[in-house]
Amino acid sequence: MDLIKLDVFNVNETTSFDSSSPVPGQNGVSPDASVTMVLKDISTQVNTNTIQYRFDGVLVTPATQKSGNLTTIQYDPPGLMSPLSTHTNRIIWSDNGGTVTTKTNEFTFRVAAYANISLGSPIYLETFDNVAEGALPAGWSVTNFTDLDILPGNDLNNFHSDTFVDWTVISRSTLSNWFAVTPGGADYLSIFNVAPNQVINNAVVTNLISTNFIIAVSDRSNNQKQIQYLFTGDYNLSGRNNVYLAFNSLWVQNQDSLAAVEYSIDGGTTWLPAQYLLDRPDILRDSSSNIDASNTFATVYSDVPNFISVSPGNYGQFIGVASNQWAGLATFLSPRGDDNQTTSKRVEVIRLAQADNQPAVRFRLAEVGTWSWYWGVDNFGLYSIGTAAAPLFASSPTPTNQTVPAGNAASITIAEAVGLGPITYQWRHEGTNLPGRTSQTLVLPAASPTDAGSYDVVAANPGGSVTSPPPAAV
């Protein structure tokens, strides 16, 4: 059926405030957003010479454009608006009627919680732009345990070809040719998405691929496994402290896929954890809601491959950290949403605590799945980050008061803190730390009278700490 828009207005109305962006009361607004307002002529016309606009109480000069019966007013606040800041917009205008009518509209919006991460100048940076398509940076190597797909031979323009059994450097323009590939080309139409409200070096991130980048493809064929490893050469970090790895990541999580980043300081004899991306339900937790990393990596699933066949398998077989150390990997696990086409397309910034002052640091990236999307990487860089701001909590969810009968379970969840990692959480009861309660969710398996009182959580990172507002009462 056809959709019909019906506008209803007072026949005695002169002009009206038609719309705005951001909309009144909007939360999570981008820090670099501009404000757009539209006034509508009804029985009279807006006199554009009378428009007055105040942003946070300050009279400013917006851009004004008249088209038909609509007048568009636009203002771009200078710089970046502060995280979680609220902004007031007030517009006054008059019409051209015989009896002049003056109107006012006022609304507010709130900026998203975000971290402005200053990377500084890179120690090393691989942009892949000087690497030919199908080649690798000098000193890098690949290996795979990927099943062959439907197209034998090499073809950069078709992700089903043998080219993509391994990580492969391609260009943004070549990637665009995939959109028409059958089957599955449409799965790449969203690859250029970017997660909102990322700020790096005082600029909102709007693009993750420049010219060339490197990609591991798992979205190839059903009932096949894709296991691909990428190894870098050694980087000399002698005399460097507070070392971080930062790279543009185009990752789409699947319910059975893994992305792993590890590094070595002994030539690859042993591997150290940096980051592991898994579907949120596959990151297992104990009765206190803390991550159980050992079981997360050891649990066997019917949809996870092994090195021989498409199933069964566990995630731990694909990482370089020895199994007797898996229990200590909780802080390196990062839960992601299944099939989400946007939220994991971001700049990943990862602390490498054991890489400080090391003369030879190499990396390995592992992508594992069965018909499980893709992982693209660009601007792979190493940085020394000496300063950072304390983390921030997003506006929701926030802990709320609860009434719980004795013996029943209670849980309190706080929003994920944003900021330079690593970020830790510590729950408190009446201001006293609760040992072992270090996740975003506090679980009381069987509440007792001694559990009554106020709870809050402290999130901390290298730049400081923040306490959740307001405290919750149980």
Protein backbone atom coordinates (compact mmCIF):
# COMPACT_ATOMS: atom_id res chain seq x y z
CA MET A 1 0.00 0.00 0.00
CA ASP A 2 1.10 3.63 -0.49
CA LEU A 3 2.02 5.67 2.55
CA ILE A 4 0.24 9.02 2.79
CA LYS A 5 1.50 11.87 4.94
CA LEU A 6 -1.21 13.95 6.59
CA ASP A 7 -0.31 17.39 7.94
CA VAL A 8 -2.78 18.84 10.43
CA PHE A 9 -2.51 22.50 11.48
CA ASN A 10 -4.60 25.29 12.93
CA VAL A 11 -6.16 27.31 10.09
CA ASN A 12 -5.41 30.45 12.09
CA GLU A 13 -1.74 29.54 12.40
CA THR A 14 0.73 31.96 10.83
CA THR A 15 4.11 30.22 10.88
CA SER A 16 5.41 27.25 12.82
CA PHE A 17 8.55 25.54 14.07
CA ASP A 18 8.49 22.53 11.76
CA SER A 19 11.46 20.35 12.75
CA SER A 20 14.99 20.24 14.08
CA SER A 21 18.10 18.11 14.10
CA PRO A 22 18.99 17.10 16.74
CA VAL A 23 15.37 16.62 17.76
CA PRO A 24 14.25 18.19 21.05
CA GLY A 25 15.42 16.16 24.03
CA GLN A 26 17.70 13.93 21.97
CA ASN A 27 20.49 12.08 23.80
CA GLY A 28 23.69 10.64 22.36
CA VAL A 29 24.28 13.46 19.89
CA SER A 30 27.59 13.46 18.02
CA PRO A 31 30.15 15.90 19.47
CA ASP A 32 30.61 17.55 16.06
CA ALA A 33 26.91 17.81 15.22
CA SER A 34 25.51 20.94 13.65
CA VAL A 35 22.08 22.27 14.60
CA THR A 36 19.43 22.53 11.91
CA MET A 37 15.97 24.07 12.44
CA VAL A 38 13.16 24.44 9.92
CA LEU A 39 10.42 27.08 10.11
CA LYS A 40 7.27 26.69 8.01
CA ASP A 41 5.06 29.31 6.38
CA ILE A 42 1.35 28.68 6.83
CA SER A 43 -0.92 31.70 6.40
CA THR A 44 1.94 34.20 6.49
CA GLN A 45 5.63 33.98 5.75
CA VAL A 46 8.68 33.94 8.00
CA ASN A 47 10.52 37.28 7.88
CA THR A 48 14.10 35.98 7.70
CA ASN A 49 15.47 39.36 8.77
CA THR A 50 13.90 38.91 12.21
CA ILE A 51 15.45 35.54 13.07
CA GLN A 52 17.46 35.48 16.28
CA TYR A 53 19.16 32.28 17.41
CA ARG A 54 20.92 31.70 20.72
CA PHE A 55 23.10 28.69 21.39
CA ASP A 56 23.59 28.14 25.11
CA GLY A 57 22.37 31.68 25.73
CA VAL A 58 24.82 33.32 23.31
CA LEU A 59 23.45 35.16 20.30
CA VAL A 60 25.11 33.70 17.20
CA THR A 61 24.73 34.16 13.45
CA PRO A 62 23.43 31.01 11.77
CA ALA A 63 23.16 30.30 8.05
CA THR A 64 19.62 30.89 6.76
CA GLN A 65 18.08 29.65 3.54
CA LYS A 66 14.55 30.06 2.19
CA SER A 67 13.06 27.44 -0.17
CA GLY A 68 9.36 27.49 -0.95
CA ASN A 69 7.43 27.65 2.31
CA LEU A 70 10.35 26.41 4.41
CA THR A 71 13.11 28.41 6.05
CA THR A 72 16.17 26.40 7.14
CA ILE A 73 18.46 27.73 9.87
CA GLN A 74 21.77 25.99 10.46
CA TYR A 75 24.51 26.54 13.03
CA ASP A 76 27.75 24.61 13.47
CA PRO A 77 29.09 25.01 17.03
CA PRO A 78 32.87 25.59 16.99
CA GLY A 79 35.10 22.66 17.92
CA LEU A 80 33.77 19.59 19.67
CA MET A 81 30.98 19.77 22.21
CA SER A 82 32.00 18.28 25.56
CA PRO A 83 30.97 14.72 26.40
CA LEU A 84 27.58 14.44 28.13
CA SER A 85 27.08 18.22 27.82
CA THR A 86 23.55 19.61 27.47
CA HIS A 87 22.93 22.45 25.00
CA THR A 88 20.05 24.90 24.85
CA ASN A 89 18.75 26.24 21.56
CA ARG A 90 16.42 29.24 21.45
CA ILE A 91 15.07 30.70 18.23
CA ILE A 92 12.86 33.79 17.86
CA TRP A 93 11.26 34.91 14.61
CA SER A 94 8.45 37.12 13.29
CA ASP A 95 6.23 36.87 10.24
CA ASN A 96 5.23 39.38 7.57
CA GLY A 97 1.55 39.61 8.49
CA GLY A 98 -0.36 42.88 8.74
CA THR A 99 -0.31 42.25 12.45
CA VAL A 100 3.18 40.92 13.10
CA THR A 101 3.29 37.69 15.06
CA THR A 102 6.50 36.84 16.92
CA LYS A 103 7.21 33.29 18.09
CA THR A 104 9.82 31.50 20.17
CA ASN A 105 10.93 27.89 20.32
CA GLU A 106 13.42 26.47 22.80
CA PHE A 107 14.77 22.94 23.04
CA THR A 108 17.78 21.07 24.40
CA PHE A 109 19.86 18.08 23.40
CA ARG A 110 22.62 16.10 25.10
CA VAL A 111 25.94 15.02 23.64
CA ALA A 112 27.03 11.39 23.81
CA ALA A 113 29.59 10.05 26.24
CA TYR A 114 32.84 9.81 24.34
CA ALA A 115 36.58 9.74 24.89
CA ASN A 116 38.88 12.07 22.99
CA ILE A 117 41.94 9.84 22.67
CA SER A 118 45.17 11.56 21.72
CA LEU A 119 47.44 9.05 20.02
CA GLY A 120 50.23 11.47 19.26
CA SER A 121 52.74 10.69 16.53
CA PRO A 122 53.15 6.99 15.69
CA ILE A 123 56.30 5.11 16.53
CA TYR A 124 55.50 2.86 13.57
CA LEU A 125 52.55 3.04 11.19
CA GLU A 126 51.52 0.65 8.43
CA THR A 127 48.89 2.20 6.16
CA PHE A 128 49.18 -0.52 3.44
CA ASP A 129 48.96 2.27 0.84
CA ASN A 130 52.47 1.51 -0.42
CA VAL A 131 51.80 -2.24 -0.53
CA ALA A 132 50.62 -3.69 -3.83
CA GLU A 133 47.27 -5.46 -3.83
CA GLY A 134 47.77 -9.15 -3.14
CA ALA A 135 51.19 -8.51 -1.51
CA LEU A 136 52.18 -8.07 2.14
CA PRO A 137 54.26 -5.46 3.98
CA ALA A 138 57.94 -6.35 4.19
CA GLY A 139 58.57 -8.87 6.95
CA TRP A 140 54.91 -9.87 7.31
CA SER A 141 53.59 -13.37 6.63
CA VAL A 142 50.35 -15.36 6.57
CA THR A 143 49.14 -18.90 7.05
CA ASN A 144 45.72 -20.49 6.93
CA PHE A 145 43.59 -23.57 7.56
CA THR A 146 40.78 -22.33 5.33
CA ASP A 147 38.67 -24.55 3.08
CA LEU A 148 38.70 -23.79 -0.63
CA ASP A 149 35.61 -22.06 -1.96
CA ILE A 150 33.71 -22.19 -5.27
CA LEU A 151 36.15 -20.19 -7.45
CA PRO A 152 39.57 -21.81 -8.07
CA GLY A 153 42.44 -19.52 -8.90
CA ASN A 154 43.20 -15.99 -7.81
CA ASP A 155 40.89 -13.02 -8.36
CA LEU A 156 41.09 -9.90 -6.22
CA ASN A 157 37.65 -8.87 -7.42
CA ASN A 158 35.91 -11.98 -6.06
CA PHE A 159 36.09 -12.96 -2.39
CA HIS A 160 35.17 -16.55 -3.30
CA SER A 161 38.52 -17.01 -5.09
CA ASP A 162 41.58 -18.74 -3.68
CA THR A 163 43.15 -15.30 -3.11
CA PHE A 164 41.16 -14.98 0.07
CA VAL A 165 42.10 -18.16 1.90
CA ASP A 166 44.62 -15.82 3.57
CA TRP A 167 44.72 -12.25 4.82
CA THR A 168 45.05 -10.12 1.69
CA VAL A 169 45.85 -6.47 0.92
CA ILE A 170 43.28 -4.88 -1.38
CA SER A 171 42.17 -1.36 -2.23
CA ARG A 172 38.94 0.38 -1.31
CA SER A 173 38.01 0.54 -4.99
CA THR A 174 38.60 -3.20 -5.48
CA LEU A 175 36.42 -3.90 -2.46
CA SER A 176 33.59 -1.98 -4.11
CA ASN A 177 33.64 -4.54 -6.94
CA TRP A 178 32.59 -7.21 -4.45
CA PHE A 179 29.14 -5.68 -4.06
CA ALA A 180 28.02 -7.28 -7.31
CA VAL A 181 29.53 -10.72 -6.63
CA THR A 182 27.10 -13.64 -6.53
CA PRO A 183 26.49 -15.10 -4.04
CA GLY A 184 27.02 -12.88 -1.01
CA GLY A 185 28.15 -9.57 -2.48
CA ALA A 186 25.41 -7.64 -0.70
CA ASP A 187 26.97 -8.68 2.62
CA TYR A 188 29.70 -6.12 2.00
CA LEU A 189 27.47 -3.11 1.33
CA SER A 190 27.80 -2.04 4.96
CA ILE A 191 31.56 -2.55 5.26
CA PHE A 192 32.20 1.22 5.20
CA ASN A 193 30.01 1.80 8.29
CA VAL A 194 31.67 3.53 11.24
CA ALA A 195 30.61 3.25 14.88
CA PRO A 196 29.39 6.65 16.12
CA ASN A 197 31.01 9.03 18.59
CA GLN A 198 34.63 7.97 18.21
CA VAL A 199 37.06 10.83 18.67
CA ILE A 200 40.76 10.41 17.88
CA ASN A 201 43.20 13.32 18.01
CA ASN A 202 40.36 15.87 18.42
CA ALA A 203 38.47 14.66 15.34
CA VAL A 204 35.36 12.52 15.02
CA VAL A 205 36.15 9.32 13.11
CA THR A 206 34.09 9.16 9.92
CA ASN A 207 36.17 6.82 7.75
CA LEU A 208 38.19 3.69 8.54
CA ILE A 209 39.65 2.84 5.13
CA SER A 210 41.95 5.19 3.24
CA THR A 211 43.25 3.55 0.07
CA ASN A 212 44.63 0.06 0.72
CA PHE A 213 43.93 -2.14 3.72
CA ILE A 214 44.23 -5.81 4.66
CA ILE A 215 41.27 -8.14 5.07
CA ALA A 216 40.46 -11.66 6.23
CA VAL A 217 37.29 -13.00 4.64
CA SER A 218 35.10 -15.53 6.39
CA ASP A 219 31.89 -14.73 4.49
CA ARG A 220 32.68 -17.21 1.70
CA SER A 221 30.58 -20.35 1.88
CA ASN A 222 28.40 -22.33 4.26
CA ASN A 223 29.71 -25.54 5.82
CA GLN A 224 33.30 -24.40 5.39
CA LYS A 225 35.85 -23.18 7.90
CA GLN A 226 37.94 -20.05 7.60
CA ILE A 227 41.03 -19.90 9.86
CA GLN A 228 43.54 -17.23 8.93
CA TYR A 229 46.66 -15.94 10.71
CA LEU A 230 48.59 -12.74 10.00
CA PHE A 231 52.09 -12.22 11.42
CA THR A 232 53.97 -8.92 11.44
CA GLY A 233 57.70 -8.43 11.53
CA ASP A 234 59.53 -7.27 14.66
CA TYR A 235 59.25 -3.69 15.91
CA ASN A 236 61.99 -2.12 18.03
CA LEU A 237 60.39 -0.43 21.04
CA SER A 238 63.57 0.10 23.04
CA GLY A 239 63.23 3.20 25.18
CA ARG A 240 59.47 3.38 24.59
CA ASN A 241 57.00 3.29 27.48
CA ASN A 242 53.20 3.28 27.72
CA VAL A 243 53.06 1.41 24.43
CA TYR A 244 49.68 1.04 22.69
CA LEU A 245 48.59 -0.62 19.49
CA ALA A 246 45.95 1.31 17.53
CA PHE A 247 44.35 0.28 14.26
CA ASN A 248 41.20 0.81 12.25
CA SER A 249 39.11 -2.33 12.61
CA LEU A 250 36.28 -3.38 10.31
CA TRP A 251 35.00 -6.38 12.25
CA VAL A 252 31.57 -7.98 12.11
CA GLN A 253 30.94 -10.49 14.88
CA ASN A 254 29.18 -13.77 14.21
CA GLN A 255 27.82 -16.18 16.79
CA ASP A 256 30.74 -18.56 16.14
CA SER A 257 33.61 -16.27 15.16
CA LEU A 258 36.77 -15.07 16.89
CA ALA A 259 39.13 -12.17 16.26
CA ALA A 260 42.36 -12.35 18.24
CA VAL A 261 45.27 -9.93 18.63
CA GLU A 262 48.38 -11.20 20.38
CA TYR A 263 52.02 -10.12 20.57
CA SER A 264 55.36 -11.68 21.35
CA ILE A 265 58.57 -10.29 22.82
CA ASP A 266 60.62 -13.47 22.38
CA GLY A 267 60.50 -14.06 18.64
CA GLY A 268 57.18 -15.89 18.68
CA THR A 269 58.20 -18.61 21.15
CA THR A 270 55.39 -17.47 23.44
CA TRP A 271 52.44 -15.15 22.81
CA LEU A 272 50.93 -12.53 25.06
CA PRO A 273 47.27 -11.44 25.07
CA ALA A 274 46.16 -8.11 23.62
CA GLN A 275 42.48 -8.49 22.62
CA TYR A 276 39.93 -11.23 21.91
CA LEU A 277 36.59 -10.44 20.26
CA LEU A 278 33.76 -12.92 20.80
CA ASP A 279 29.99 -13.01 20.61
CA ARG A 280 28.66 -11.74 23.93
CA PRO A 281 26.87 -14.99 24.96
CA ASP A 282 30.07 -17.00 24.34
CA ILE A 283 31.96 -15.02 26.99
CA LEU A 284 31.03 -17.11 30.00
CA ARG A 285 30.62 -15.77 33.53
CA ASP A 286 30.72 -17.16 37.05
CA SER A 287 28.01 -16.82 39.69
CA SER A 288 29.28 -13.33 40.55
CA SER A 289 28.98 -12.24 36.88
CA ASN A 290 32.76 -12.01 36.50
CA ILE A 291 34.17 -13.30 33.22
CA ASP A 292 35.24 -16.95 33.38
CA ALA A 293 38.00 -16.79 30.79
CA SER A 294 39.21 -20.36 31.24
CA ASN A 295 35.82 -21.89 30.42
CA THR A 296 35.23 -19.29 27.71
CA PHE A 297 38.23 -20.61 25.79
CA ALA A 298 37.83 -24.28 26.76
CA THR A 299 34.12 -24.87 26.08
CA VAL A 300 33.48 -26.93 22.96
CA TYR A 301 30.73 -25.73 20.61
CA SER A 302 29.03 -27.55 17.75
CA ASP A 303 29.29 -24.49 15.47
CA VAL A 304 32.96 -23.61 16.13
CA PRO A 305 35.50 -25.19 13.77
CA ASN A 306 38.69 -27.04 14.53
CA PHE A 307 41.79 -27.23 12.37
CA ILE A 308 40.49 -30.30 10.51
CA SER A 309 36.73 -29.82 10.13
CA VAL A 310 33.92 -27.30 10.58
CA SER A 311 33.07 -28.64 14.05
CA PRO A 312 33.23 -29.21 16.95
CA GLY A 313 35.78 -26.86 18.42
CA ASN A 314 36.71 -24.41 21.16
CA TYR A 315 38.08 -20.90 20.83
CA GLY A 316 41.17 -21.64 22.90
CA GLN A 317 42.78 -23.82 20.23
CA PHE A 318 43.23 -20.77 18.00
CA ILE A 319 45.06 -18.49 20.42
CA GLY A 320 48.75 -18.45 21.25
CA VAL A 321 48.48 -18.11 25.02
CA ALA A 322 49.02 -21.44 26.79
CA SER A 323 45.92 -23.08 28.28
CA ASN A 324 47.33 -22.93 31.81
CA GLN A 325 47.15 -19.14 31.52
CA TRP A 326 43.61 -18.84 30.14
CA ALA A 327 42.14 -18.09 33.56
CA GLY A 328 43.96 -14.75 33.54
CA LEU A 329 42.61 -13.52 30.22
CA ALA A 330 39.31 -11.97 31.40
CA THR A 331 40.42 -8.36 30.92
CA PHE A 332 41.41 -9.08 27.33
CA LEU A 333 38.00 -10.42 26.28
CA SER A 334 35.77 -7.91 24.51
CA PRO A 335 32.12 -8.92 23.95
CA ARG A 336 30.57 -7.92 20.63
CA GLY A 337 27.06 -8.17 19.15
CA ASP A 338 26.19 -10.93 16.69
CA ASP A 339 25.75 -9.68 13.10
CA ASN A 340 25.97 -6.02 14.12
CA GLN A 341 27.18 -4.14 11.06
CA THR A 342 28.38 -0.99 12.83
CA THR A 343 29.43 -1.15 16.48
CA SER A 344 32.72 -3.02 15.93
CA LYS A 345 33.81 -0.81 13.07
CA ARG A 346 36.04 1.36 15.15
CA VAL A 347 39.53 2.43 16.07
CA GLU A 348 40.81 -0.20 18.51
CA VAL A 349 43.33 1.19 21.02
CA ILE A 350 45.02 -1.54 23.05
CA ARG A 351 47.59 -1.30 25.85
CA LEU A 352 50.59 -3.61 25.42
CA ALA A 353 51.98 -3.60 28.95
CA GLN A 354 54.79 -6.08 28.30
CA ALA A 355 55.94 -4.39 25.11
CA ASP A 356 57.43 -1.38 26.90
CA ASN A 357 61.16 -0.99 26.20
CA GLN A 358 61.33 -4.26 24.23
CA PRO A 359 63.73 -4.47 21.27
CA ALA A 360 61.65 -6.93 19.20
CA VAL A 361 57.83 -6.96 19.37
CA ARG A 362 55.81 -8.84 16.78
CA PHE A 363 52.08 -9.40 16.39
CA ARG A 364 49.75 -12.08 15.19
CA LEU A 365 46.11 -11.55 14.23
CA ALA A 366 43.77 -14.53 13.97
CA GLU A 367 40.37 -14.58 12.29
CA VAL A 368 38.26 -17.70 12.78
CA GLY A 369 34.75 -18.55 11.61
CA THR A 370 32.43 -20.61 9.44
CA TRP A 371 30.64 -18.33 6.97
CA SER A 372 31.24 -15.55 9.49
CA TRP A 373 31.58 -12.13 7.87
CA TYR A 374 35.05 -10.51 7.69
CA TRP A 375 37.78 -8.54 9.46
CA GLY A 376 39.48 -5.60 7.79
CA VAL A 377 42.45 -3.71 9.28
CA ASP A 378 43.98 -0.37 8.30
CA ASN A 379 46.44 2.13 9.82
CA PHE A 380 48.14 -0.45 12.05
CA GLY A 381 50.25 1.71 14.36
CA LEU A 382 52.26 1.68 17.57
CA TYR A 383 52.13 4.67 19.92
CA SER A 384 53.42 5.85 23.27
CA ILE A 385 50.48 7.42 25.11
CA GLY A 386 51.56 9.17 28.29
CA THR A 387 48.40 11.04 29.27
CA ALA A 388 44.70 10.20 29.28
CA ALA A 389 41.44 11.47 30.68
CA ALA A 390 39.49 9.54 33.30
CA PRO A 391 36.73 7.32 31.89
CA LEU A 392 33.10 8.36 31.55
CA PHE A 393 29.90 6.42 32.06
CA ALA A 394 27.27 6.55 29.35
CA SER A 395 23.89 7.90 30.39
CA SER A 396 22.24 4.49 30.63
CA PRO A 397 21.83 2.04 32.13
CA THR A 398 22.46 3.46 35.58
CA PRO A 399 22.01 1.57 38.85
CA THR A 400 18.48 1.88 40.24
CA ASN A 401 16.96 1.15 43.64
CA GLN A 402 15.58 -2.35 44.15
CA THR A 403 13.48 -4.10 46.75
CA VAL A 404 14.50 -7.74 47.05
CA PRO A 405 13.04 -10.38 49.41
CA ALA A 406 15.67 -12.07 51.55
CA GLY A 407 17.09 -15.13 49.82
CA ASN A 408 16.30 -13.92 46.32
CA ALA A 409 18.91 -12.93 43.75
CA ALA A 410 19.59 -9.30 42.90
CA SER A 411 21.65 -7.77 40.12
CA ILE A 412 22.74 -4.22 39.31
CA THR A 413 24.19 -3.23 35.94
CA ILE A 414 26.12 -0.13 34.95
CA ALA A 415 26.70 1.17 31.43
CA GLU A 416 30.06 0.46 29.83
CA ALA A 417 32.60 3.14 30.64
CA VAL A 418 34.27 4.88 27.72
CA GLY A 419 37.88 6.01 27.66
CA LEU A 420 41.42 4.90 27.03
CA GLY A 421 41.89 1.33 28.21
CA PRO A 422 42.42 -0.75 30.07
CA ILE A 423 39.32 0.11 32.10
CA THR A 424 38.61 -1.74 35.34
CA TYR A 425 35.45 -1.87 37.46
CA GLN A 426 35.14 -2.15 41.24
CA TRP A 427 31.78 -2.38 42.99
CA ARG A 428 31.37 -0.91 46.47
CA HIS A 429 28.83 -1.45 49.23
CA GLU A 430 28.38 1.58 51.47
CA GLY A 431 31.71 2.87 50.14
CA THR A 432 33.65 -0.34 50.84
CA ASN A 433 35.14 -2.36 47.99
CA LEU A 434 33.54 -5.75 47.35
CA PRO A 435 36.35 -8.25 46.66
CA GLY A 436 36.07 -9.99 43.32
CA ARG A 437 33.15 -7.86 42.10
CA THR A 438 34.84 -6.35 39.07
CA SER A 439 32.44 -6.54 36.11
CA GLN A 440 29.74 -4.23 34.80
CA THR A 441 27.09 -6.27 36.60
CA LEU A 442 26.97 -6.92 40.33
CA VAL A 443 25.15 -10.13 41.25
CA LEU A 444 23.97 -11.02 44.75
CA PRO A 445 22.92 -14.70 44.41
CA ALA A 446 20.94 -14.73 47.65
CA ALA A 447 20.36 -11.32 49.20
CA SER A 448 20.47 -11.09 53.00
CA PRO A 449 19.72 -8.21 55.40
CA THR A 450 23.44 -7.43 55.55
CA ASP A 451 23.38 -6.74 51.82
CA ALA A 452 20.96 -3.85 52.25
CA GLY A 453 22.29 -0.38 51.58
CA SER A 454 23.79 1.68 48.76
CA TYR A 455 25.99 0.38 45.96
CA ASP A 456 28.12 2.13 43.40
CA VAL A 457 30.90 1.17 41.01
CA VAL A 458 34.22 2.84 40.33
CA ALA A 459 35.63 2.66 36.80
CA ALA A 460 39.34 3.41 36.47
CA ASN A 461 41.86 3.72 33.66
CA PRO A 462 45.38 5.19 33.35
CA GLY A 463 43.90 8.70 33.48
CA GLY A 464 41.90 8.39 36.71
CA SER A 465 38.55 7.10 37.90
CA VAL A 466 34.85 7.89 37.89
CA THR A 467 32.12 6.76 40.28
CA SER A 468 28.69 5.81 39.00
CA PRO A 469 25.87 8.27 39.74
CA PRO A 470 23.64 7.87 41.62
CA PRO A 471 24.24 5.01 44.06
CA ALA A 472 21.66 2.23 43.98
CA ALA A 473 19.99 0.91 47.09
CA VAL A 474 19.02 -2.70 47.71
